[in-house]
Amino acid sequence: MNALETKYADRIAQIRAKYPDKRSTVMPLLYVAQEEYGWLPDEALRDVAELCDLDPTEVKTIAGFYTMYSEKPKGKYWLQVCTDLPCALVGADEFFAELLDHLGIEDGGTTEDGLFTAEHVMCLAACDRAPMLQCNFHFEEHLTMELMREKIAQWRAEAAREAEA
C-alpha cells in the first residue's frame, strides 16, 4: 500500500467506483496527489501509477500535458490569472501586473514566505467576470486590486492561524 492509498483509501474507493477500470482514474487521482503534496513530485507520480496499474512515465506524461497539474512546487495559494484577450480587454493585464508587483514576484514566481505563486493562464472560461483568477481551482471574479489586497490579507491570516494550530 502506498502513501496515498493509506491516507485516502475511502476517497480512492469512491473515485474507483465511478470508473470502468483503474487506468481511467489517473486524472482524479492526480488531483488527490496534488492536494496531498501541493504539487506532483516523483513520489506522487509513482503512487498514482501504482494505483492505476500504469507506468510512472505514462502518469508523468499526463500530468505534464494538463495545466491544472503542477510538476514543481507552488505556494499554498496558487493564483492563476486569465490574461486571454477578452479578459485583457477589461484590464486583466494591468491587474496581473499590479498583483505581481504587490506580491513582489515575477510571473510564475512564489513569494518568499511560500504562500503565493502567481502566473498568467489562457482562458479560464469566465470572460464575463473578468478580471478574475483561479486560486487553488476556485474562481475569484470581478476583481479589483483593492479587493485582491483584502483577499491576500485574508489568506495570509488564514495561513498564520493554521501555522499556530
N, C-alpha and C. Protein backbone atom coordinates (compact mmCIF):
# COMPACT_ATOMS: atom_id res chain seq x y z
N MET A 1 0.85 -1.18 0.00
CA MET A 1 0.00 0.00 0.00
C MET A 1 0.90 1.24 0.00
N ASN A 2 0.64 2.18 -0.90
CA ASN A 2 1.47 3.38 -0.95
C ASN A 2 0.87 4.48 -0.06
N ALA A 3 1.58 5.61 0.02
CA ALA A 3 1.19 6.70 0.93
C ALA A 3 -0.20 7.25 0.62
N LEU A 4 -0.51 7.43 -0.64
CA LEU A 4 -1.84 7.95 -0.99
C LEU A 4 -2.93 6.95 -0.63
N GLU A 5 -2.69 5.71 -0.93
CA GLU A 5 -3.69 4.68 -0.65
C GLU A 5 -3.92 4.53 0.85
N THR A 6 -2.88 4.67 1.63
CA THR A 6 -3.01 4.57 3.08
C THR A 6 -3.85 5.72 3.63
N LYS A 7 -3.56 6.93 3.18
CA LYS A 7 -4.22 8.12 3.74
C LYS A 7 -5.61 8.35 3.15
N TYR A 8 -5.80 8.00 1.88
CA TYR A 8 -7.04 8.34 1.18
C TYR A 8 -7.80 7.11 0.69
N ALA A 9 -7.75 6.02 1.41
CA ALA A 9 -8.37 4.77 0.96
C ALA A 9 -9.85 4.94 0.61
N ASP A 10 -10.60 5.62 1.46
CA ASP A 10 -12.04 5.80 1.19
C ASP A 10 -12.27 6.65 -0.05
N ARG A 11 -11.52 7.73 -0.15
CA ARG A 11 -11.68 8.62 -1.30
C ARG A 11 -11.29 7.92 -2.60
N ILE A 12 -10.23 7.14 -2.55
CA ILE A 12 -9.79 6.40 -3.73
C ILE A 12 -10.86 5.37 -4.12
N ALA A 13 -11.45 4.72 -3.13
CA ALA A 13 -12.53 3.75 -3.41
C ALA A 13 -13.72 4.45 -4.07
N GLN A 14 -14.04 5.65 -3.61
CA GLN A 14 -15.15 6.41 -4.22
C GLN A 14 -14.83 6.78 -5.67
N ILE A 15 -13.60 7.18 -5.91
CA ILE A 15 -13.19 7.53 -7.29
C ILE A 15 -13.25 6.29 -8.17
N ARG A 16 -12.71 5.18 -7.69
CA ARG A 16 -12.70 3.95 -8.49
C ARG A 16 -14.11 3.47 -8.82
N ALA A 17 -15.05 3.72 -7.93
CA ALA A 17 -16.44 3.28 -8.16
C ALA A 17 -17.08 4.00 -9.35
N LYS A 18 -16.52 5.12 -9.74
CA LYS A 18 -17.10 5.92 -10.83
C LYS A 18 -16.54 5.56 -12.21
N TYR A 19 -15.50 4.71 -12.24
CA TYR A 19 -14.81 4.46 -13.50
C TYR A 19 -14.78 2.96 -13.82
N PRO A 20 -14.71 2.63 -15.10
CA PRO A 20 -14.78 1.22 -15.50
C PRO A 20 -13.52 0.41 -15.16
N ASP A 21 -12.37 1.07 -15.07
CA ASP A 21 -11.14 0.36 -14.72
C ASP A 21 -10.17 1.31 -14.02
N LYS A 22 -9.14 0.75 -13.42
CA LYS A 22 -8.17 1.54 -12.64
C LYS A 22 -7.47 2.59 -13.48
N ARG A 23 -7.16 2.27 -14.72
CA ARG A 23 -6.44 3.21 -15.58
C ARG A 23 -7.23 4.50 -15.79
N SER A 24 -8.53 4.41 -15.78
CA SER A 24 -9.38 5.57 -16.01
C SER A 24 -9.38 6.55 -14.84
N THR A 25 -8.84 6.14 -13.71
CA THR A 25 -8.85 7.00 -12.51
C THR A 25 -7.63 7.91 -12.42
N VAL A 26 -6.77 7.87 -13.41
CA VAL A 26 -5.50 8.60 -13.31
C VAL A 26 -5.68 10.09 -13.04
N MET A 27 -6.56 10.76 -13.76
CA MET A 27 -6.70 12.21 -13.57
C MET A 27 -7.28 12.58 -12.21
N PRO A 28 -8.37 11.95 -11.76
CA PRO A 28 -8.83 12.30 -10.41
C PRO A 28 -7.81 11.95 -9.33
N LEU A 29 -7.06 10.88 -9.53
CA LEU A 29 -6.05 10.54 -8.53
C LEU A 29 -4.87 11.51 -8.54
N LEU A 30 -4.58 12.09 -9.70
CA LEU A 30 -3.55 13.14 -9.73
C LEU A 30 -4.00 14.35 -8.91
N TYR A 31 -5.31 14.65 -8.94
CA TYR A 31 -5.82 15.73 -8.09
C TYR A 31 -5.62 15.40 -6.61
N VAL A 32 -5.91 14.17 -6.23
CA VAL A 32 -5.72 13.76 -4.83
C VAL A 32 -4.26 13.92 -4.44
N ALA A 33 -3.37 13.45 -5.30
CA ALA A 33 -1.93 13.55 -5.02
C ALA A 33 -1.49 15.01 -4.91
N GLN A 34 -1.99 15.84 -5.82
CA GLN A 34 -1.60 17.26 -5.78
C GLN A 34 -2.13 17.94 -4.53
N GLU A 35 -3.31 17.59 -4.08
CA GLU A 35 -3.82 18.13 -2.81
C GLU A 35 -2.91 17.73 -1.65
N GLU A 36 -2.46 16.49 -1.67
CA GLU A 36 -1.62 15.98 -0.58
C GLU A 36 -0.26 16.68 -0.55
N TYR A 37 0.38 16.79 -1.69
CA TYR A 37 1.75 17.30 -1.74
C TYR A 37 1.84 18.79 -2.09
N GLY A 38 0.77 19.35 -2.65
CA GLY A 38 0.81 20.73 -3.11
C GLY A 38 1.34 20.84 -4.53
N TRP A 39 1.86 19.75 -5.06
CA TRP A 39 2.37 19.64 -6.41
C TRP A 39 2.55 18.16 -6.68
N LEU A 40 3.17 17.78 -7.79
CA LEU A 40 3.31 16.36 -8.12
C LEU A 40 4.77 15.94 -8.20
N PRO A 41 5.37 15.69 -7.05
CA PRO A 41 6.75 15.18 -7.07
C PRO A 41 6.77 13.75 -7.60
N ASP A 42 7.95 13.23 -7.90
CA ASP A 42 8.07 11.88 -8.46
C ASP A 42 7.39 10.84 -7.58
N GLU A 43 7.49 11.00 -6.27
CA GLU A 43 6.85 10.05 -5.34
C GLU A 43 5.34 9.98 -5.59
N ALA A 44 4.72 11.14 -5.77
CA ALA A 44 3.27 11.19 -6.02
C ALA A 44 2.94 10.52 -7.35
N LEU A 45 3.74 10.78 -8.37
CA LEU A 45 3.51 10.18 -9.68
C LEU A 45 3.64 8.66 -9.62
N ARG A 46 4.61 8.17 -8.85
CA ARG A 46 4.77 6.72 -8.68
C ARG A 46 3.56 6.12 -7.94
N ASP A 47 3.10 6.82 -6.90
CA ASP A 47 1.93 6.34 -6.16
C ASP A 47 0.70 6.24 -7.06
N VAL A 48 0.45 7.28 -7.85
CA VAL A 48 -0.70 7.28 -8.76
C VAL A 48 -0.53 6.17 -9.80
N ALA A 49 0.67 6.02 -10.32
CA ALA A 49 0.92 4.97 -11.31
C ALA A 49 0.60 3.59 -10.72
N GLU A 50 1.03 3.37 -9.50
CA GLU A 50 0.76 2.08 -8.84
C GLU A 50 -0.75 1.87 -8.67
N LEU A 51 -1.45 2.91 -8.27
CA LEU A 51 -2.90 2.81 -8.06
C LEU A 51 -3.66 2.56 -9.36
N CYS A 52 -3.10 3.01 -10.47
CA CYS A 52 -3.78 2.91 -11.77
C CYS A 52 -3.25 1.78 -12.64
N ASP A 53 -2.29 1.03 -12.13
CA ASP A 53 -1.64 -0.02 -12.93
C ASP A 53 -1.06 0.55 -14.22
N LEU A 54 -0.38 1.69 -14.08
CA LEU A 54 0.29 2.34 -15.21
C LEU A 54 1.77 2.48 -14.91
N ASP A 55 2.54 2.72 -15.93
CA ASP A 55 3.95 3.02 -15.76
C ASP A 55 4.07 4.47 -15.28
N PRO A 56 4.98 4.77 -14.36
CA PRO A 56 5.13 6.16 -13.90
C PRO A 56 5.37 7.16 -15.03
N THR A 57 6.02 6.73 -16.10
CA THR A 57 6.26 7.62 -17.24
C THR A 57 4.95 8.02 -17.90
N GLU A 58 4.00 7.09 -17.98
CA GLU A 58 2.69 7.42 -18.55
C GLU A 58 1.98 8.47 -17.70
N VAL A 59 2.06 8.31 -16.39
CA VAL A 59 1.41 9.25 -15.47
C VAL A 59 2.08 10.62 -15.58
N LYS A 60 3.41 10.63 -15.66
CA LYS A 60 4.14 11.90 -15.80
C LYS A 60 3.76 12.62 -17.09
N THR A 61 3.56 11.87 -18.16
CA THR A 61 3.15 12.44 -19.43
C THR A 61 1.78 13.10 -19.32
N ILE A 62 0.87 12.46 -18.64
CA ILE A 62 -0.48 13.01 -18.45
C ILE A 62 -0.39 14.28 -17.60
N ALA A 63 0.34 14.20 -16.50
CA ALA A 63 0.48 15.37 -15.61
C ALA A 63 1.14 16.54 -16.34
N GLY A 64 2.09 16.25 -17.21
CA GLY A 64 2.79 17.31 -17.94
C GLY A 64 1.95 17.95 -19.03
N PHE A 65 0.96 17.24 -19.53
CA PHE A 65 0.14 17.75 -20.61
C PHE A 65 -0.88 18.77 -20.12
N TYR A 66 -1.46 18.54 -18.96
CA TYR A 66 -2.55 19.39 -18.46
C TYR A 66 -2.04 20.48 -17.53
N THR A 67 -2.53 21.70 -17.73
CA THR A 67 -2.06 22.83 -16.93
C THR A 67 -2.58 22.83 -15.50
N MET A 68 -3.57 22.02 -15.20
CA MET A 68 -4.10 22.01 -13.84
C MET A 68 -3.24 21.19 -12.88
N TYR A 69 -2.26 20.51 -13.42
CA TYR A 69 -1.33 19.76 -12.58
C TYR A 69 0.02 20.48 -12.58
N SER A 70 0.67 20.48 -11.44
CA SER A 70 1.95 21.16 -11.33
C SER A 70 3.06 20.17 -10.98
N GLU A 71 4.09 20.16 -11.78
CA GLU A 71 5.23 19.28 -11.53
C GLU A 71 6.37 19.99 -10.80
N LYS A 72 6.08 21.19 -10.32
CA LYS A 72 7.07 21.87 -9.49
C LYS A 72 6.34 22.52 -8.32
N PRO A 73 7.03 22.73 -7.23
CA PRO A 73 6.36 23.28 -6.04
C PRO A 73 5.71 24.63 -6.32
N LYS A 74 4.58 24.83 -5.70
CA LYS A 74 3.83 26.08 -5.79
C LYS A 74 3.59 26.58 -4.37
N GLY A 75 3.17 27.82 -4.27
CA GLY A 75 2.79 28.35 -2.97
C GLY A 75 1.51 27.69 -2.48
N LYS A 76 1.21 27.91 -1.23
CA LYS A 76 -0.02 27.38 -0.64
C LYS A 76 -1.23 27.86 -1.44
N TYR A 77 -1.15 29.09 -1.94
CA TYR A 77 -2.22 29.67 -2.75
C TYR A 77 -1.69 29.85 -4.17
N TRP A 78 -2.21 29.06 -5.09
CA TRP A 78 -1.77 29.06 -6.48
C TRP A 78 -2.74 29.94 -7.26
N LEU A 79 -2.29 31.14 -7.60
CA LEU A 79 -3.12 32.14 -8.27
C LEU A 79 -2.87 32.10 -9.77
N GLN A 80 -3.90 31.74 -10.52
CA GLN A 80 -3.80 31.70 -11.97
C GLN A 80 -4.73 32.78 -12.52
N VAL A 81 -4.14 33.79 -13.14
CA VAL A 81 -4.90 34.92 -13.65
C VAL A 81 -5.06 34.77 -15.15
N CYS A 82 -6.31 34.82 -15.59
CA CYS A 82 -6.57 34.75 -17.03
C CYS A 82 -6.20 36.09 -17.66
N THR A 83 -5.33 36.01 -18.68
CA THR A 83 -4.93 37.22 -19.40
C THR A 83 -5.22 37.07 -20.90
N ASP A 84 -6.13 36.16 -21.24
CA ASP A 84 -6.55 35.98 -22.62
C ASP A 84 -7.21 37.27 -23.11
N LEU A 85 -7.37 37.41 -24.41
CA LEU A 85 -7.85 38.67 -25.00
C LEU A 85 -9.13 39.22 -24.36
N PRO A 86 -10.20 38.45 -24.22
CA PRO A 86 -11.40 39.05 -23.62
C PRO A 86 -11.16 39.61 -22.22
N CYS A 87 -10.37 38.91 -21.42
CA CYS A 87 -10.06 39.40 -20.08
C CYS A 87 -9.13 40.61 -20.13
N ALA A 88 -8.17 40.56 -21.06
CA ALA A 88 -7.25 41.69 -21.21
C ALA A 88 -7.99 42.97 -21.58
N LEU A 89 -9.04 42.82 -22.37
CA LEU A 89 -9.80 43.99 -22.79
C LEU A 89 -10.50 44.71 -21.63
N VAL A 90 -10.70 44.01 -20.52
CA VAL A 90 -11.31 44.65 -19.35
C VAL A 90 -10.31 44.83 -18.21
N GLY A 91 -9.01 44.80 -18.55
CA GLY A 91 -8.00 45.17 -17.58
C GLY A 91 -7.23 44.05 -16.91
N ALA A 92 -7.34 42.82 -17.39
CA ALA A 92 -6.65 41.70 -16.75
C ALA A 92 -5.13 41.85 -16.77
N ASP A 93 -4.58 42.36 -17.87
CA ASP A 93 -3.12 42.53 -17.94
C ASP A 93 -2.63 43.48 -16.86
N GLU A 94 -3.30 44.61 -16.73
CA GLU A 94 -2.91 45.59 -15.71
C GLU A 94 -3.11 45.02 -14.31
N PHE A 95 -4.22 44.32 -14.13
CA PHE A 95 -4.50 43.69 -12.83
C PHE A 95 -3.38 42.72 -12.48
N PHE A 96 -2.99 41.87 -13.44
CA PHE A 96 -1.95 40.88 -13.20
C PHE A 96 -0.62 41.55 -12.87
N ALA A 97 -0.28 42.60 -13.60
CA ALA A 97 0.97 43.32 -13.33
C ALA A 97 0.96 43.92 -11.92
N GLU A 98 -0.17 44.49 -11.52
CA GLU A 98 -0.29 45.05 -10.16
C GLU A 98 -0.21 43.95 -9.10
N LEU A 99 -0.82 42.81 -9.38
CA LEU A 99 -0.77 41.69 -8.44
C LEU A 99 0.67 41.22 -8.24
N LEU A 100 1.40 41.05 -9.34
CA LEU A 100 2.80 40.64 -9.24
C LEU A 100 3.61 41.65 -8.45
N ASP A 101 3.37 42.93 -8.72
CA ASP A 101 4.06 43.99 -8.00
C ASP A 101 3.73 43.94 -6.51
N HIS A 102 2.47 43.76 -6.19
CA HIS A 102 2.04 43.70 -4.79
C HIS A 102 2.69 42.51 -4.06
N LEU A 103 2.79 41.38 -4.75
CA LEU A 103 3.38 40.19 -4.15
C LEU A 103 4.91 40.21 -4.19
N GLY A 104 5.47 41.08 -5.04
CA GLY A 104 6.93 41.17 -5.16
C GLY A 104 7.54 39.99 -5.89
N ILE A 105 6.83 39.47 -6.90
CA ILE A 105 7.33 38.32 -7.65
C ILE A 105 7.15 38.57 -9.15
N GLU A 106 7.73 37.67 -9.94
CA GLU A 106 7.55 37.69 -11.38
C GLU A 106 6.54 36.61 -11.76
N ASP A 107 6.08 36.64 -12.99
CA ASP A 107 5.14 35.63 -13.49
C ASP A 107 5.69 34.23 -13.22
N GLY A 108 4.91 33.40 -12.56
CA GLY A 108 5.34 32.04 -12.23
C GLY A 108 6.12 31.94 -10.94
N GLY A 109 6.40 33.08 -10.32
CA GLY A 109 7.20 33.09 -9.10
C GLY A 109 6.37 32.82 -7.85
N THR A 110 7.09 32.55 -6.77
CA THR A 110 6.48 32.28 -5.47
C THR A 110 7.03 33.27 -4.46
N THR A 111 6.17 33.78 -3.61
CA THR A 111 6.59 34.73 -2.58
C THR A 111 7.60 34.08 -1.64
N GLU A 112 8.43 34.90 -1.01
CA GLU A 112 9.47 34.38 -0.11
C GLU A 112 8.91 33.54 1.02
N ASP A 113 7.71 33.88 1.49
CA ASP A 113 7.11 33.11 2.58
C ASP A 113 6.48 31.81 2.09
N GLY A 114 6.51 31.55 0.78
CA GLY A 114 5.99 30.32 0.22
C GLY A 114 4.47 30.26 0.13
N LEU A 115 3.80 31.37 0.40
CA LEU A 115 2.35 31.34 0.41
C LEU A 115 1.71 31.49 -0.97
N PHE A 116 2.28 32.33 -1.84
CA PHE A 116 1.61 32.65 -3.10
C PHE A 116 2.50 32.39 -4.30
N THR A 117 1.93 31.70 -5.27
CA THR A 117 2.51 31.57 -6.60
C THR A 117 1.49 32.19 -7.54
N ALA A 118 1.95 33.07 -8.42
CA ALA A 118 1.04 33.71 -9.37
C ALA A 118 1.57 33.53 -10.79
N GLU A 119 0.65 33.17 -11.67
CA GLU A 119 1.03 33.00 -13.07
C GLU A 119 -0.16 33.34 -13.96
N HIS A 120 0.15 33.76 -15.18
CA HIS A 120 -0.93 34.02 -16.13
C HIS A 120 -1.28 32.72 -16.84
N VAL A 121 -2.53 32.60 -17.18
CA VAL A 121 -3.01 31.44 -17.93
C VAL A 121 -3.94 31.95 -19.03
N MET A 122 -4.21 31.09 -19.95
CA MET A 122 -5.11 31.43 -21.05
C MET A 122 -6.45 30.77 -20.83
N CYS A 123 -7.45 31.57 -20.75
CA CYS A 123 -8.86 31.18 -20.71
C CYS A 123 -9.24 30.24 -19.58
N LEU A 124 -9.87 30.83 -18.62
CA LEU A 124 -10.49 30.07 -17.53
C LEU A 124 -12.01 30.01 -17.71
N ALA A 125 -12.47 30.44 -18.87
CA ALA A 125 -13.89 30.36 -19.26
C ALA A 125 -14.78 31.19 -18.34
N ALA A 126 -14.32 32.36 -17.98
CA ALA A 126 -15.13 33.27 -17.16
C ALA A 126 -14.96 34.70 -17.68
N CYS A 127 -14.97 34.85 -18.98
CA CYS A 127 -14.73 36.14 -19.61
C CYS A 127 -15.67 37.24 -19.10
N ASP A 128 -16.90 36.87 -18.82
CA ASP A 128 -17.89 37.85 -18.38
C ASP A 128 -17.69 38.29 -16.94
N ARG A 129 -16.72 37.67 -16.25
CA ARG A 129 -16.49 38.01 -14.84
C ARG A 129 -15.07 38.50 -14.59
N ALA A 130 -14.41 38.95 -15.63
CA ALA A 130 -13.02 39.41 -15.53
C ALA A 130 -12.97 40.85 -15.02
N PRO A 131 -11.81 41.24 -14.50
CA PRO A 131 -10.65 40.41 -14.20
C PRO A 131 -11.00 39.35 -13.15
N MET A 132 -10.43 38.17 -13.37
CA MET A 132 -10.70 37.06 -12.47
C MET A 132 -9.46 36.20 -12.37
N LEU A 133 -9.46 35.35 -11.36
CA LEU A 133 -8.39 34.38 -11.23
C LEU A 133 -8.94 33.13 -10.60
N GLN A 134 -8.12 32.12 -10.66
CA GLN A 134 -8.44 30.85 -10.03
C GLN A 134 -7.41 30.66 -8.91
N CYS A 135 -7.87 30.50 -7.70
CA CYS A 135 -6.99 30.24 -6.55
C CYS A 135 -7.26 28.82 -6.10
N ASN A 136 -6.27 27.96 -6.28
CA ASN A 136 -6.42 26.55 -5.92
C ASN A 136 -7.70 25.97 -6.50
N PHE A 137 -7.96 26.33 -7.76
CA PHE A 137 -9.08 25.81 -8.54
C PHE A 137 -10.44 26.36 -8.12
N HIS A 138 -10.46 27.46 -7.39
CA HIS A 138 -11.71 28.14 -7.04
C HIS A 138 -11.66 29.54 -7.65
N PHE A 139 -12.72 29.91 -8.34
CA PHE A 139 -12.76 31.20 -9.02
C PHE A 139 -12.95 32.36 -8.05
N GLU A 140 -12.23 33.44 -8.32
CA GLU A 140 -12.41 34.74 -7.67
C GLU A 140 -12.67 35.69 -8.83
N GLU A 141 -13.83 36.34 -8.82
CA GLU A 141 -14.27 37.07 -10.00
C GLU A 141 -14.52 38.54 -9.73
N HIS A 142 -14.63 39.31 -10.84
CA HIS A 142 -14.88 40.75 -10.79
C HIS A 142 -13.88 41.43 -9.84
N LEU A 143 -12.61 41.15 -10.03
CA LEU A 143 -11.58 41.61 -9.10
C LEU A 143 -11.10 43.02 -9.40
N THR A 144 -10.76 43.70 -8.33
CA THR A 144 -10.00 44.95 -8.37
C THR A 144 -8.78 44.70 -7.50
N MET A 145 -7.78 45.55 -7.61
CA MET A 145 -6.61 45.35 -6.75
C MET A 145 -6.97 45.60 -5.29
N GLU A 146 -7.88 46.50 -5.02
CA GLU A 146 -8.31 46.72 -3.64
C GLU A 146 -8.91 45.44 -3.06
N LEU A 147 -9.79 44.81 -3.80
CA LEU A 147 -10.38 43.55 -3.35
C LEU A 147 -9.32 42.45 -3.25
N MET A 148 -8.38 42.43 -4.19
CA MET A 148 -7.33 41.42 -4.17
C MET A 148 -6.42 41.58 -2.96
N ARG A 149 -6.09 42.81 -2.61
CA ARG A 149 -5.28 43.05 -1.41
C ARG A 149 -5.99 42.51 -0.17
N GLU A 150 -7.31 42.71 -0.10
CA GLU A 150 -8.08 42.19 1.02
C GLU A 150 -8.04 40.66 1.05
N LYS A 151 -8.18 40.03 -0.10
CA LYS A 151 -8.15 38.57 -0.18
C LYS A 151 -6.77 38.04 0.22
N ILE A 152 -5.73 38.70 -0.23
CA ILE A 152 -4.37 38.27 0.12
C ILE A 152 -4.17 38.38 1.63
N ALA A 153 -4.62 39.48 2.22
CA ALA A 153 -4.52 39.65 3.67
C ALA A 153 -5.31 38.55 4.39
N GLN A 154 -6.48 38.23 3.88
CA GLN A 154 -7.32 37.18 4.47
C GLN A 154 -6.60 35.82 4.39
N TRP A 155 -6.03 35.51 3.22
CA TRP A 155 -5.33 34.24 3.06
C TRP A 155 -4.08 34.18 3.93
N ARG A 156 -3.37 35.29 4.07
CA ARG A 156 -2.20 35.31 4.96
C ARG A 156 -2.61 35.05 6.41
N ALA A 157 -3.71 35.68 6.84
CA ALA A 157 -4.20 35.46 8.21
C ALA A 157 -4.64 34.02 8.41
N GLU A 158 -5.28 33.45 7.41
CA GLU A 158 -5.70 32.05 7.45
C GLU A 158 -4.49 31.13 7.59
N ALA A 159 -3.46 31.39 6.82
CA ALA A 159 -2.24 30.57 6.88
C ALA A 159 -1.56 30.72 8.22
N ALA A 160 -1.57 31.92 8.79
CA ALA A 160 -0.96 32.14 10.11
C ALA A 160 -1.72 31.37 11.19
N ARG A 161 -3.05 31.38 11.11
CA ARG A 161 -3.86 30.61 12.08
C ARG A 161 -3.57 29.13 11.98
N GLU A 162 -3.46 28.64 10.75
CA GLU A 162 -3.15 27.21 10.55
C GLU A 162 -1.77 26.87 11.09
N ALA A 163 -0.82 27.77 10.93
CA ALA A 163 0.54 27.53 11.43
C ALA A 163 0.59 27.48 12.95
N GLU A 164 -0.27 28.28 13.58
CA GLU A 164 -0.31 28.30 15.05
C GLU A 164 -0.96 27.06 15.63
N ALA A 165 -1.86 26.46 14.87
CA ALA A 165 -2.63 25.28 15.37
C ALA A 165 -1.78 24.04 15.45
